[in-house]
Structure formats: structure tokens, C-alpha cells
Amino acid sequence: MHPSARWLRRGLWAFVLFVLAHAVAVPVQARGTSPPEDPGIPAVPLAQLPAEARHTLELIRKGGPYPHQRDGIAFGNFERELPLRSRGYYREYTVPTPGLNHRGARRIIAGRNGEFYYTDDHYRSFKRIRE
């Protein structure tokens, strides 16, 4: 076998193993049931969030329009700070930070079953939004 073909074959196997390792997910709960509380994730009342976060949550509920092109993309939960769910379960939305001319670190993460999380440190920590 040619050395470059061997390298390609190894790379392909590494890719397949990577995909399989990241495809394992915890089953998603049935629709129509309320999401369970998340142990280890503190809750924050909606009223205690910044006004920009409350406005972003309103936009999410209305389905937009969103100010940032990347709002609504899948959130991968690569940090594993949120409960493990299947790929595509979570979506992320920008919470504007006054005085910045870029997206900043604040986000709301929306779960498929209606749960919402807030982070102000770009995914290092989360609080579940309690309404």
C-alpha cells in the first residue's frame, strides 16, 4: 500500500471513531412533559437577568427576528456544562452587551423542551432561567 494511502486510511478511521464517540447521547425526554430540574445548575429568576437577556428571550419566543446571523444555530454543549442531550437539542442566541461592537460573551441557550439557560461568561457557567 502506498504510504499516502495508509495515512488517508488512518485519518479516515480516526474521523469515524471521533464521530462515533461524539454521537453517543442521552435520550431526549418525551415531548409534552416538563423538563426535569438540572442538578448542579443554579436557577436565576427571569426578573434578575439583564434587560437585554429578557428581550432576547422575548425574541426567541416570537421566533425572531434576531440581530445576529448566528442566532438560532445548534449549540454543541462541548463544555458539557448542560445536561447531555442529542445533537441539535440546544440552540444558542446572543444577548447583546452594551458598549460592545461584537457578540460578546452573553448567551441564552434554549432546549427543545422549553428550558432556557443563561451564560454571561461564554459557556463556562450556566444558570437555568426560572420564569
N, C-alpha and C. Protein backbone atom coordinates (compact mmCIF):
# COMPACT_ATOMS: atom_id res chain seq x y z
N MET A 1 0.85 -1.18 0.00
CA MET A 1 0.00 0.00 0.00
C MET A 1 0.90 1.24 0.00
N HIS A 2 0.55 2.19 -0.79
CA HIS A 2 1.30 3.44 -0.87
C HIS A 2 1.22 4.17 0.46
N PRO A 3 2.32 4.81 0.92
CA PRO A 3 2.31 5.49 2.23
C PRO A 3 1.21 6.54 2.37
N SER A 4 0.91 7.29 1.31
CA SER A 4 -0.14 8.31 1.43
C SER A 4 -1.52 7.67 1.58
N ALA A 5 -1.71 6.50 0.96
CA ALA A 5 -2.99 5.80 1.11
C ALA A 5 -3.14 5.28 2.54
N ARG A 6 -2.04 4.82 3.13
CA ARG A 6 -2.06 4.35 4.52
C ARG A 6 -2.43 5.50 5.46
N TRP A 7 -1.84 6.65 5.21
CA TRP A 7 -2.13 7.83 6.02
C TRP A 7 -3.60 8.22 5.90
N LEU A 8 -4.11 8.20 4.65
CA LEU A 8 -5.51 8.54 4.42
C LEU A 8 -6.43 7.55 5.13
N ARG A 9 -6.08 6.29 5.08
CA ARG A 9 -6.89 5.26 5.72
C ARG A 9 -6.92 5.47 7.25
N ARG A 10 -5.76 5.76 7.85
CA ARG A 10 -5.71 6.03 9.29
C ARG A 10 -6.53 7.26 9.64
N GLY A 11 -6.41 8.30 8.83
CA GLY A 11 -7.18 9.52 9.08
C GLY A 11 -8.67 9.27 9.01
N LEU A 12 -9.08 8.45 8.05
CA LEU A 12 -10.50 8.13 7.91
C LEU A 12 -10.99 7.38 9.14
N TRP A 13 -10.22 6.40 9.62
CA TRP A 13 -10.62 5.67 10.82
C TRP A 13 -10.67 6.58 12.04
N ALA A 14 -9.71 7.48 12.15
CA ALA A 14 -9.73 8.41 13.27
C ALA A 14 -10.98 9.28 13.22
N PHE A 15 -11.34 9.72 12.03
CA PHE A 15 -12.55 10.54 11.87
C PHE A 15 -13.79 9.74 12.25
N VAL A 16 -13.89 8.51 11.79
CA VAL A 16 -15.06 7.67 12.10
C VAL A 16 -15.16 7.46 13.60
N LEU A 17 -14.04 7.16 14.26
CA LEU A 17 -14.07 6.98 15.71
C LEU A 17 -14.47 8.26 16.44
N PHE A 18 -13.98 9.39 15.96
CA PHE A 18 -14.35 10.68 16.54
C PHE A 18 -15.85 10.90 16.44
N VAL A 19 -16.41 10.67 15.26
CA VAL A 19 -17.85 10.88 15.05
C VAL A 19 -18.66 9.95 15.93
N LEU A 20 -18.26 8.68 15.99
CA LEU A 20 -18.99 7.73 16.82
C LEU A 20 -18.92 8.10 18.30
N ALA A 21 -17.77 8.55 18.75
CA ALA A 21 -17.62 8.92 20.15
C ALA A 21 -18.48 10.12 20.51
N HIS A 22 -18.67 11.03 19.57
CA HIS A 22 -19.46 12.22 19.85
C HIS A 22 -20.94 12.06 19.51
N ALA A 23 -21.30 10.95 18.92
CA ALA A 23 -22.70 10.73 18.55
C ALA A 23 -23.49 10.10 19.70
N VAL A 24 -22.80 9.60 20.72
CA VAL A 24 -23.48 9.00 21.85
C VAL A 24 -24.19 10.10 22.62
N ALA A 25 -25.47 9.91 22.88
CA ALA A 25 -26.23 10.95 23.58
C ALA A 25 -27.21 10.32 24.54
N VAL A 26 -27.57 11.07 25.54
CA VAL A 26 -28.60 10.66 26.48
C VAL A 26 -29.94 10.82 25.79
N PRO A 27 -30.84 9.88 25.93
CA PRO A 27 -32.14 10.02 25.27
C PRO A 27 -32.86 11.30 25.68
N VAL A 28 -33.53 11.90 24.74
CA VAL A 28 -34.28 13.13 24.97
C VAL A 28 -35.63 12.76 25.59
N GLN A 29 -36.08 13.56 26.56
CA GLN A 29 -37.35 13.24 27.20
C GLN A 29 -38.51 13.44 26.23
N ALA A 30 -39.62 12.80 26.54
CA ALA A 30 -40.79 12.85 25.68
C ALA A 30 -41.34 14.27 25.59
N ARG A 31 -41.81 14.63 24.42
CA ARG A 31 -42.43 15.95 24.24
C ARG A 31 -43.71 16.03 25.07
N GLY A 32 -44.01 17.25 25.50
CA GLY A 32 -45.23 17.46 26.26
C GLY A 32 -45.05 17.29 27.76
N THR A 33 -43.86 16.84 28.17
CA THR A 33 -43.61 16.75 29.60
C THR A 33 -42.71 17.91 29.99
N SER A 34 -42.82 18.32 31.22
CA SER A 34 -42.00 19.44 31.65
C SER A 34 -40.56 18.96 31.85
N PRO A 35 -39.59 19.78 31.48
CA PRO A 35 -38.20 19.37 31.64
C PRO A 35 -37.84 19.20 33.10
N PRO A 36 -37.04 18.19 33.41
CA PRO A 36 -36.66 17.99 34.81
C PRO A 36 -35.71 19.09 35.27
N GLU A 37 -35.64 19.28 36.56
CA GLU A 37 -34.66 20.22 37.10
C GLU A 37 -33.28 19.66 36.83
N ASP A 38 -32.33 20.55 36.70
CA ASP A 38 -30.97 20.14 36.37
C ASP A 38 -30.11 20.23 37.62
N PRO A 39 -29.75 19.09 38.19
CA PRO A 39 -28.94 19.13 39.40
C PRO A 39 -27.59 19.78 39.11
N GLY A 40 -27.17 20.63 40.00
CA GLY A 40 -25.89 21.27 39.84
C GLY A 40 -25.91 22.55 39.03
N ILE A 41 -27.02 22.87 38.42
CA ILE A 41 -27.13 24.12 37.67
C ILE A 41 -28.04 25.06 38.47
N PRO A 42 -27.50 26.16 38.95
CA PRO A 42 -28.33 27.07 39.74
C PRO A 42 -29.40 27.73 38.88
N ALA A 43 -30.48 28.11 39.52
CA ALA A 43 -31.56 28.80 38.82
C ALA A 43 -31.44 30.30 39.06
N VAL A 44 -31.95 31.06 38.11
CA VAL A 44 -31.99 32.51 38.25
C VAL A 44 -33.39 32.97 37.81
N PRO A 45 -34.06 33.78 38.63
CA PRO A 45 -35.36 34.31 38.21
C PRO A 45 -35.19 35.22 36.99
N LEU A 46 -36.13 35.14 36.07
CA LEU A 46 -36.09 35.95 34.86
C LEU A 46 -35.92 37.43 35.20
N ALA A 47 -36.58 37.88 36.25
CA ALA A 47 -36.53 39.30 36.64
C ALA A 47 -35.12 39.75 37.04
N GLN A 48 -34.25 38.82 37.41
CA GLN A 48 -32.90 39.18 37.81
C GLN A 48 -31.91 39.22 36.65
N LEU A 49 -32.35 38.81 35.48
CA LEU A 49 -31.46 38.86 34.31
C LEU A 49 -31.39 40.28 33.77
N PRO A 50 -30.31 40.60 33.05
CA PRO A 50 -30.23 41.92 32.42
C PRO A 50 -31.39 42.13 31.44
N ALA A 51 -31.75 43.37 31.23
CA ALA A 51 -32.85 43.70 30.31
C ALA A 51 -32.61 43.12 28.92
N GLU A 52 -31.36 43.09 28.48
CA GLU A 52 -31.04 42.54 27.14
C GLU A 52 -31.35 41.06 27.07
N ALA A 53 -31.15 40.33 28.17
CA ALA A 53 -31.46 38.90 28.19
C ALA A 53 -32.98 38.68 28.15
N ARG A 54 -33.71 39.51 28.88
CA ARG A 54 -35.18 39.38 28.84
C ARG A 54 -35.70 39.68 27.44
N HIS A 55 -35.11 40.67 26.77
CA HIS A 55 -35.51 41.00 25.40
C HIS A 55 -35.17 39.85 24.44
N THR A 56 -33.99 39.25 24.60
CA THR A 56 -33.61 38.12 23.75
C THR A 56 -34.57 36.96 23.95
N LEU A 57 -34.98 36.71 25.19
CA LEU A 57 -35.93 35.63 25.45
C LEU A 57 -37.26 35.91 24.76
N GLU A 58 -37.69 37.16 24.75
CA GLU A 58 -38.92 37.53 24.02
C GLU A 58 -38.77 37.22 22.53
N LEU A 59 -37.62 37.57 21.96
CA LEU A 59 -37.38 37.29 20.54
C LEU A 59 -37.42 35.79 20.25
N ILE A 60 -36.83 35.00 21.14
CA ILE A 60 -36.83 33.55 20.96
C ILE A 60 -38.26 33.03 20.94
N ARG A 61 -39.07 33.50 21.86
CA ARG A 61 -40.47 33.04 21.93
C ARG A 61 -41.27 33.44 20.69
N LYS A 62 -40.93 34.61 20.11
CA LYS A 62 -41.64 35.07 18.92
C LYS A 62 -41.07 34.48 17.64
N GLY A 63 -39.90 33.84 17.73
CA GLY A 63 -39.28 33.28 16.54
C GLY A 63 -38.47 34.31 15.75
N GLY A 64 -38.05 35.38 16.41
CA GLY A 64 -37.21 36.39 15.74
C GLY A 64 -38.00 37.64 15.45
N PRO A 65 -37.42 38.54 14.71
CA PRO A 65 -36.12 38.47 14.03
C PRO A 65 -34.98 38.66 15.02
N TYR A 66 -33.86 38.01 14.71
CA TYR A 66 -32.70 38.06 15.59
C TYR A 66 -31.66 39.02 15.03
N PRO A 67 -30.96 39.72 15.92
CA PRO A 67 -30.00 40.73 15.46
C PRO A 67 -28.69 40.15 14.92
N HIS A 68 -28.39 38.90 15.26
CA HIS A 68 -27.12 38.31 14.84
C HIS A 68 -27.37 37.12 13.92
N GLN A 69 -26.56 37.02 12.90
CA GLN A 69 -26.71 35.98 11.89
C GLN A 69 -26.62 34.58 12.49
N ARG A 70 -25.82 34.42 13.53
CA ARG A 70 -25.62 33.09 14.11
C ARG A 70 -26.66 32.72 15.18
N ASP A 71 -27.57 33.62 15.48
CA ASP A 71 -28.60 33.30 16.46
C ASP A 71 -29.48 32.17 15.93
N GLY A 72 -29.73 31.19 16.81
CA GLY A 72 -30.56 30.05 16.44
C GLY A 72 -29.78 28.84 15.96
N ILE A 73 -28.42 28.95 15.89
CA ILE A 73 -27.65 27.79 15.46
C ILE A 73 -27.60 26.77 16.58
N ALA A 74 -27.29 25.54 16.22
CA ALA A 74 -27.18 24.47 17.21
C ALA A 74 -26.04 24.76 18.18
N PHE A 75 -26.30 24.54 19.45
CA PHE A 75 -25.28 24.67 20.49
C PHE A 75 -24.79 23.26 20.81
N GLY A 76 -23.51 23.03 20.65
CA GLY A 76 -22.95 21.69 20.78
C GLY A 76 -22.77 21.18 22.20
N ASN A 77 -22.78 22.05 23.20
CA ASN A 77 -22.58 21.65 24.59
C ASN A 77 -21.25 20.90 24.76
N PHE A 78 -20.24 21.31 24.01
CA PHE A 78 -18.94 20.65 24.06
C PHE A 78 -18.30 20.77 25.44
N GLU A 79 -18.66 21.82 26.17
CA GLU A 79 -18.13 22.01 27.52
C GLU A 79 -18.77 21.05 28.51
N ARG A 80 -19.90 20.48 28.11
CA ARG A 80 -20.66 19.53 28.93
C ARG A 80 -21.11 20.13 30.27
N GLU A 81 -21.42 21.41 30.25
CA GLU A 81 -21.91 22.07 31.45
C GLU A 81 -23.43 21.91 31.57
N LEU A 82 -24.12 21.67 30.45
CA LEU A 82 -25.56 21.44 30.46
C LEU A 82 -25.82 19.94 30.42
N PRO A 83 -27.05 19.52 30.78
CA PRO A 83 -27.37 18.10 30.69
C PRO A 83 -27.11 17.58 29.27
N LEU A 84 -26.57 16.37 29.18
CA LEU A 84 -26.27 15.80 27.87
C LEU A 84 -27.55 15.44 27.15
N ARG A 85 -27.64 15.88 25.92
CA ARG A 85 -28.79 15.61 25.07
C ARG A 85 -28.28 15.32 23.66
N SER A 86 -29.17 14.89 22.80
CA SER A 86 -28.77 14.57 21.43
C SER A 86 -28.35 15.84 20.69
N ARG A 87 -27.55 15.63 19.67
CA ARG A 87 -27.06 16.75 18.86
C ARG A 87 -28.25 17.52 18.27
N GLY A 88 -28.19 18.84 18.37
CA GLY A 88 -29.27 19.68 17.86
C GLY A 88 -30.36 19.99 18.87
N TYR A 89 -30.27 19.40 20.06
CA TYR A 89 -31.28 19.63 21.10
C TYR A 89 -31.27 21.08 21.56
N TYR A 90 -30.08 21.66 21.68
CA TYR A 90 -29.93 23.03 22.17
C TYR A 90 -29.67 24.00 21.02
N ARG A 91 -30.19 25.23 21.16
CA ARG A 91 -29.94 26.33 20.22
C ARG A 91 -29.40 27.51 21.03
N GLU A 92 -28.53 28.29 20.41
CA GLU A 92 -27.95 29.43 21.13
C GLU A 92 -28.35 30.76 20.50
N TYR A 93 -28.47 31.76 21.38
CA TYR A 93 -28.89 33.10 20.98
C TYR A 93 -28.03 34.14 21.71
N THR A 94 -27.65 35.17 21.00
CA THR A 94 -26.82 36.22 21.56
C THR A 94 -27.62 37.15 22.45
N VAL A 95 -27.05 37.47 23.60
CA VAL A 95 -27.59 38.51 24.47
C VAL A 95 -26.64 39.70 24.32
N PRO A 96 -27.08 40.78 23.70
CA PRO A 96 -26.18 41.91 23.47
C PRO A 96 -25.60 42.46 24.78
N THR A 97 -24.36 42.92 24.68
CA THR A 97 -23.69 43.57 25.81
C THR A 97 -23.50 45.03 25.45
N PRO A 98 -24.10 45.94 26.21
CA PRO A 98 -23.96 47.36 25.90
C PRO A 98 -22.48 47.77 25.81
N GLY A 99 -22.17 48.58 24.81
CA GLY A 99 -20.83 49.09 24.63
C GLY A 99 -19.91 48.23 23.78
N LEU A 100 -20.34 47.02 23.43
CA LEU A 100 -19.52 46.16 22.58
C LEU A 100 -20.00 46.24 21.13
N ASN A 101 -19.06 46.14 20.19
CA ASN A 101 -19.44 46.12 18.78
C ASN A 101 -19.29 44.72 18.19
N HIS A 102 -19.29 43.71 19.07
CA HIS A 102 -19.27 42.30 18.64
C HIS A 102 -20.24 41.53 19.53
N ARG A 103 -20.37 40.24 19.32
CA ARG A 103 -21.37 39.45 20.03
C ARG A 103 -21.15 39.37 21.54
N GLY A 104 -19.94 39.47 21.99
CA GLY A 104 -19.69 39.39 23.42
C GLY A 104 -19.83 37.97 23.95
N ALA A 105 -19.92 37.84 25.26
CA ALA A 105 -19.90 36.52 25.91
C ALA A 105 -21.27 36.04 26.38
N ARG A 106 -22.28 36.89 26.34
CA ARG A 106 -23.57 36.54 26.92
C ARG A 106 -24.44 35.80 25.91
N ARG A 107 -25.05 34.70 26.37
CA ARG A 107 -25.92 33.90 25.51
C ARG A 107 -27.11 33.35 26.31
N ILE A 108 -28.17 33.05 25.59
CA ILE A 108 -29.25 32.22 26.10
C ILE A 108 -29.23 30.95 25.28
N ILE A 109 -29.27 29.82 25.97
CA ILE A 109 -29.33 28.52 25.31
C ILE A 109 -30.73 27.98 25.53
N ALA A 110 -31.39 27.61 24.44
CA ALA A 110 -32.76 27.10 24.51
C ALA A 110 -32.76 25.61 24.25
N GLY A 111 -33.40 24.86 25.14
CA GLY A 111 -33.57 23.42 24.94
C GLY A 111 -34.84 23.14 24.18
N ARG A 112 -34.87 22.05 23.49
CA ARG A 112 -36.02 21.67 22.66
C ARG A 112 -37.32 21.54 23.47
N ASN A 113 -37.20 21.20 24.75
CA ASN A 113 -38.40 21.01 25.57
C ASN A 113 -38.79 22.24 26.35
N GLY A 114 -38.25 23.41 25.98
CA GLY A 114 -38.69 24.65 26.58
C GLY A 114 -37.86 25.17 27.73
N GLU A 115 -36.76 24.53 28.03
CA GLU A 115 -35.90 25.05 29.09
C GLU A 115 -34.92 26.07 28.51
N PHE A 116 -34.56 27.05 29.34
CA PHE A 116 -33.65 28.12 28.91
C PHE A 116 -32.54 28.28 29.94
N TYR A 117 -31.34 28.53 29.43
CA TYR A 117 -30.17 28.72 30.27
C TYR A 117 -29.50 30.03 29.87
N TYR A 118 -28.89 30.70 30.85
CA TYR A 118 -28.19 31.96 30.61
C TYR A 118 -26.73 31.79 30.99
N THR A 119 -25.84 32.30 30.15
CA THR A 119 -24.42 32.37 30.48
C THR A 119 -23.93 33.78 30.17
N ASP A 120 -23.10 34.30 31.06
CA ASP A 120 -22.51 35.61 30.79
C ASP A 120 -20.99 35.50 30.68
N ASP A 121 -20.49 34.26 30.65
CA ASP A 121 -19.04 34.05 30.56
C ASP A 121 -18.68 33.07 29.42
N HIS A 122 -19.45 33.12 28.36
CA HIS A 122 -19.22 32.34 27.14
C HIS A 122 -19.07 30.85 27.43
N TYR A 123 -20.11 30.29 28.05
CA TYR A 123 -20.29 28.85 28.26
C TYR A 123 -19.48 28.25 29.40
N ARG A 124 -18.78 29.06 30.20
CA ARG A 124 -18.03 28.47 31.32
C ARG A 124 -18.97 28.09 32.46
N SER A 125 -20.06 28.83 32.60
CA SER A 125 -21.06 28.51 33.62
C SER A 125 -22.44 28.90 33.11
N PHE A 126 -23.45 28.25 33.66
CA PHE A 126 -24.83 28.49 33.24
C PHE A 126 -25.74 28.63 34.45
N LYS A 127 -26.84 29.33 34.23
CA LYS A 127 -27.94 29.39 35.20
C LYS A 127 -29.20 29.06 34.42
N ARG A 128 -30.02 28.22 35.02
CA ARG A 128 -31.31 27.91 34.39
C ARG A 128 -32.26 29.06 34.67
N ILE A 129 -32.91 29.54 33.62
CA ILE A 129 -33.84 30.66 33.78
C ILE A 129 -35.15 30.15 34.34
N ARG A 130 -35.53 30.72 35.46
CA ARG A 130 -36.80 30.36 36.11
C ARG A 130 -37.78 31.50 35.87
N GLU A 131 -38.92 31.16 35.29
CA GLU A 131 -39.90 32.21 34.95
C GLU A 131 -41.03 32.27 35.96
